[in-house]
Amino acid sequence: KKGDLKINTTGNKVFSGDEEIYLTETEYEILSFNAEIQGEKFFSVQNIYESVWQEPFFNNSANTVMVHIRKLRLKIEKNPQKPRIIQTVWGKGYRIE
């Protein structure tokens, strides 16, 4: 839970207040994977890719993660240009606050 953002793990749903946010399965996996250790740790792009896609990481895989993070931010952030929920840890990866 982050502010008004709630993750319902039993139904694989995400809500902002009472409004459901429709995420793709991959977007949900990225969000829930990162939210498990909220604020305490960052996850590298490689770690996110290998955990969500369950495939070995290659250099071009980083772009896949970045595109999904951008789409996810557009859906869950009030201001996707200045994200407060999915934060970038420069040079290291992402973390959920």
Protein backbone atom coordinates (compact mmCIF):
# COMPACT_ATOMS: atom_id res chain seq x y z
CA LYS A 1 0.00 0.00 0.00
CA LYS A 2 1.36 3.43 -0.97
CA GLY A 3 -0.88 6.34 -0.07
CA ASP A 4 -4.09 5.56 -1.90
CA LEU A 5 -2.48 2.77 -3.95
CA LYS A 6 -3.48 -0.72 -2.80
CA ILE A 7 -2.35 -4.04 -4.22
CA ASN A 8 -4.84 -6.88 -3.80
CA THR A 9 -2.65 -9.97 -4.13
CA THR A 10 -5.53 -12.44 -4.02
CA GLY A 11 -7.27 -10.94 -7.03
CA ASN A 12 -4.16 -9.53 -8.71
CA LYS A 13 -5.78 -6.10 -8.75
CA VAL A 14 -4.52 -2.61 -7.97
CA PHE A 15 -6.66 0.23 -6.65
CA SER A 16 -6.16 3.95 -6.25
CA GLY A 17 -8.66 4.82 -3.57
CA ASP A 18 -11.81 2.99 -4.67
CA GLU A 19 -10.91 3.06 -8.37
CA GLU A 20 -9.41 -0.04 -9.94
CA ILE A 21 -6.34 0.53 -12.12
CA TYR A 22 -6.20 -1.93 -14.98
CA LEU A 23 -2.68 -3.30 -15.40
CA THR A 24 -1.32 -5.87 -17.79
CA GLU A 25 -0.12 -9.08 -16.18
CA THR A 26 3.50 -7.97 -16.65
CA GLU A 27 2.86 -4.53 -15.14
CA TYR A 28 1.19 -6.16 -12.14
CA GLU A 29 4.11 -8.59 -11.72
CA ILE A 30 6.65 -5.73 -11.80
CA LEU A 31 4.65 -3.70 -9.26
CA SER A 32 3.98 -6.56 -6.86
CA PHE A 33 7.56 -7.88 -7.13
CA ASN A 34 8.98 -4.50 -6.16
CA ALA A 35 6.33 -3.79 -3.52
CA GLU A 36 7.21 -6.87 -1.48
CA ILE A 37 10.26 -5.10 -0.06
CA GLN A 38 8.85 -1.60 -0.23
CA GLY A 39 11.31 1.22 0.42
CA GLU A 40 13.99 -0.98 1.93
CA LYS A 41 15.78 -2.09 -1.19
CA PHE A 42 16.18 -1.31 -4.84
CA PHE A 43 16.00 -3.84 -7.63
CA SER A 44 18.31 -3.78 -10.61
CA VAL A 45 16.84 -3.93 -14.09
CA GLN A 46 18.44 -7.36 -14.45
CA ASN A 47 16.86 -8.60 -11.22
CA ILE A 48 13.42 -7.34 -12.26
CA TYR A 49 13.72 -8.86 -15.74
CA GLU A 50 14.88 -12.27 -14.57
CA SER A 51 12.23 -12.41 -11.80
CA VAL A 52 9.26 -11.24 -13.87
CA TRP A 53 10.05 -12.72 -17.28
CA GLN A 54 11.92 -15.71 -15.82
CA GLU A 55 14.47 -15.60 -18.63
CA PRO A 56 18.20 -14.80 -18.67
CA PHE A 57 19.00 -11.10 -18.92
CA PHE A 58 20.66 -9.66 -22.03
CA ASN A 59 21.61 -6.03 -22.69
CA ASN A 60 18.54 -5.41 -24.86
CA SER A 61 16.33 -6.71 -21.99
CA ALA A 62 16.92 -3.44 -20.10
CA ASN A 63 14.83 -1.57 -22.66
CA THR A 64 11.94 -4.00 -22.11
CA VAL A 65 11.93 -3.27 -18.37
CA MET A 66 12.17 0.51 -18.90
CA VAL A 67 9.21 0.51 -21.31
CA HIS A 68 7.06 -1.44 -18.85
CA ILE A 69 8.08 0.82 -15.95
CA ARG A 70 7.17 3.90 -18.02
CA LYS A 71 3.73 2.45 -18.89
CA LEU A 72 3.17 1.45 -15.26
CA ARG A 73 4.07 4.95 -14.05
CA LEU A 74 1.55 6.46 -16.50
CA LYS A 75 -1.16 4.36 -14.86
CA ILE A 76 -0.30 4.68 -11.15
CA GLU A 77 1.57 7.97 -10.67
CA LYS A 78 -0.23 11.29 -10.27
CA ASN A 79 2.69 12.93 -12.08
CA PRO A 80 4.60 10.29 -14.10
CA GLN A 81 7.34 12.85 -14.86
CA LYS A 82 8.09 13.08 -11.13
CA PRO A 83 7.30 9.59 -9.85
CA ARG A 84 6.75 9.12 -6.13
CA ILE A 85 5.79 5.44 -6.09
CA ILE A 86 8.22 3.78 -8.51
CA GLN A 87 11.45 5.66 -7.99
CA THR A 88 14.58 5.37 -10.07
CA VAL A 89 17.76 4.66 -8.14
CA TRP A 90 20.17 6.16 -10.66
CA GLY A 91 22.67 3.68 -12.03
CA LYS A 92 21.22 0.88 -9.91
CA GLY A 93 17.55 0.19 -10.67
CA TYR A 94 14.13 0.93 -9.16
CA ARG A 95 12.41 0.89 -5.80
CA ILE A 96 8.84 1.24 -4.56
CA GLU A 97 8.25 3.90 -1.93
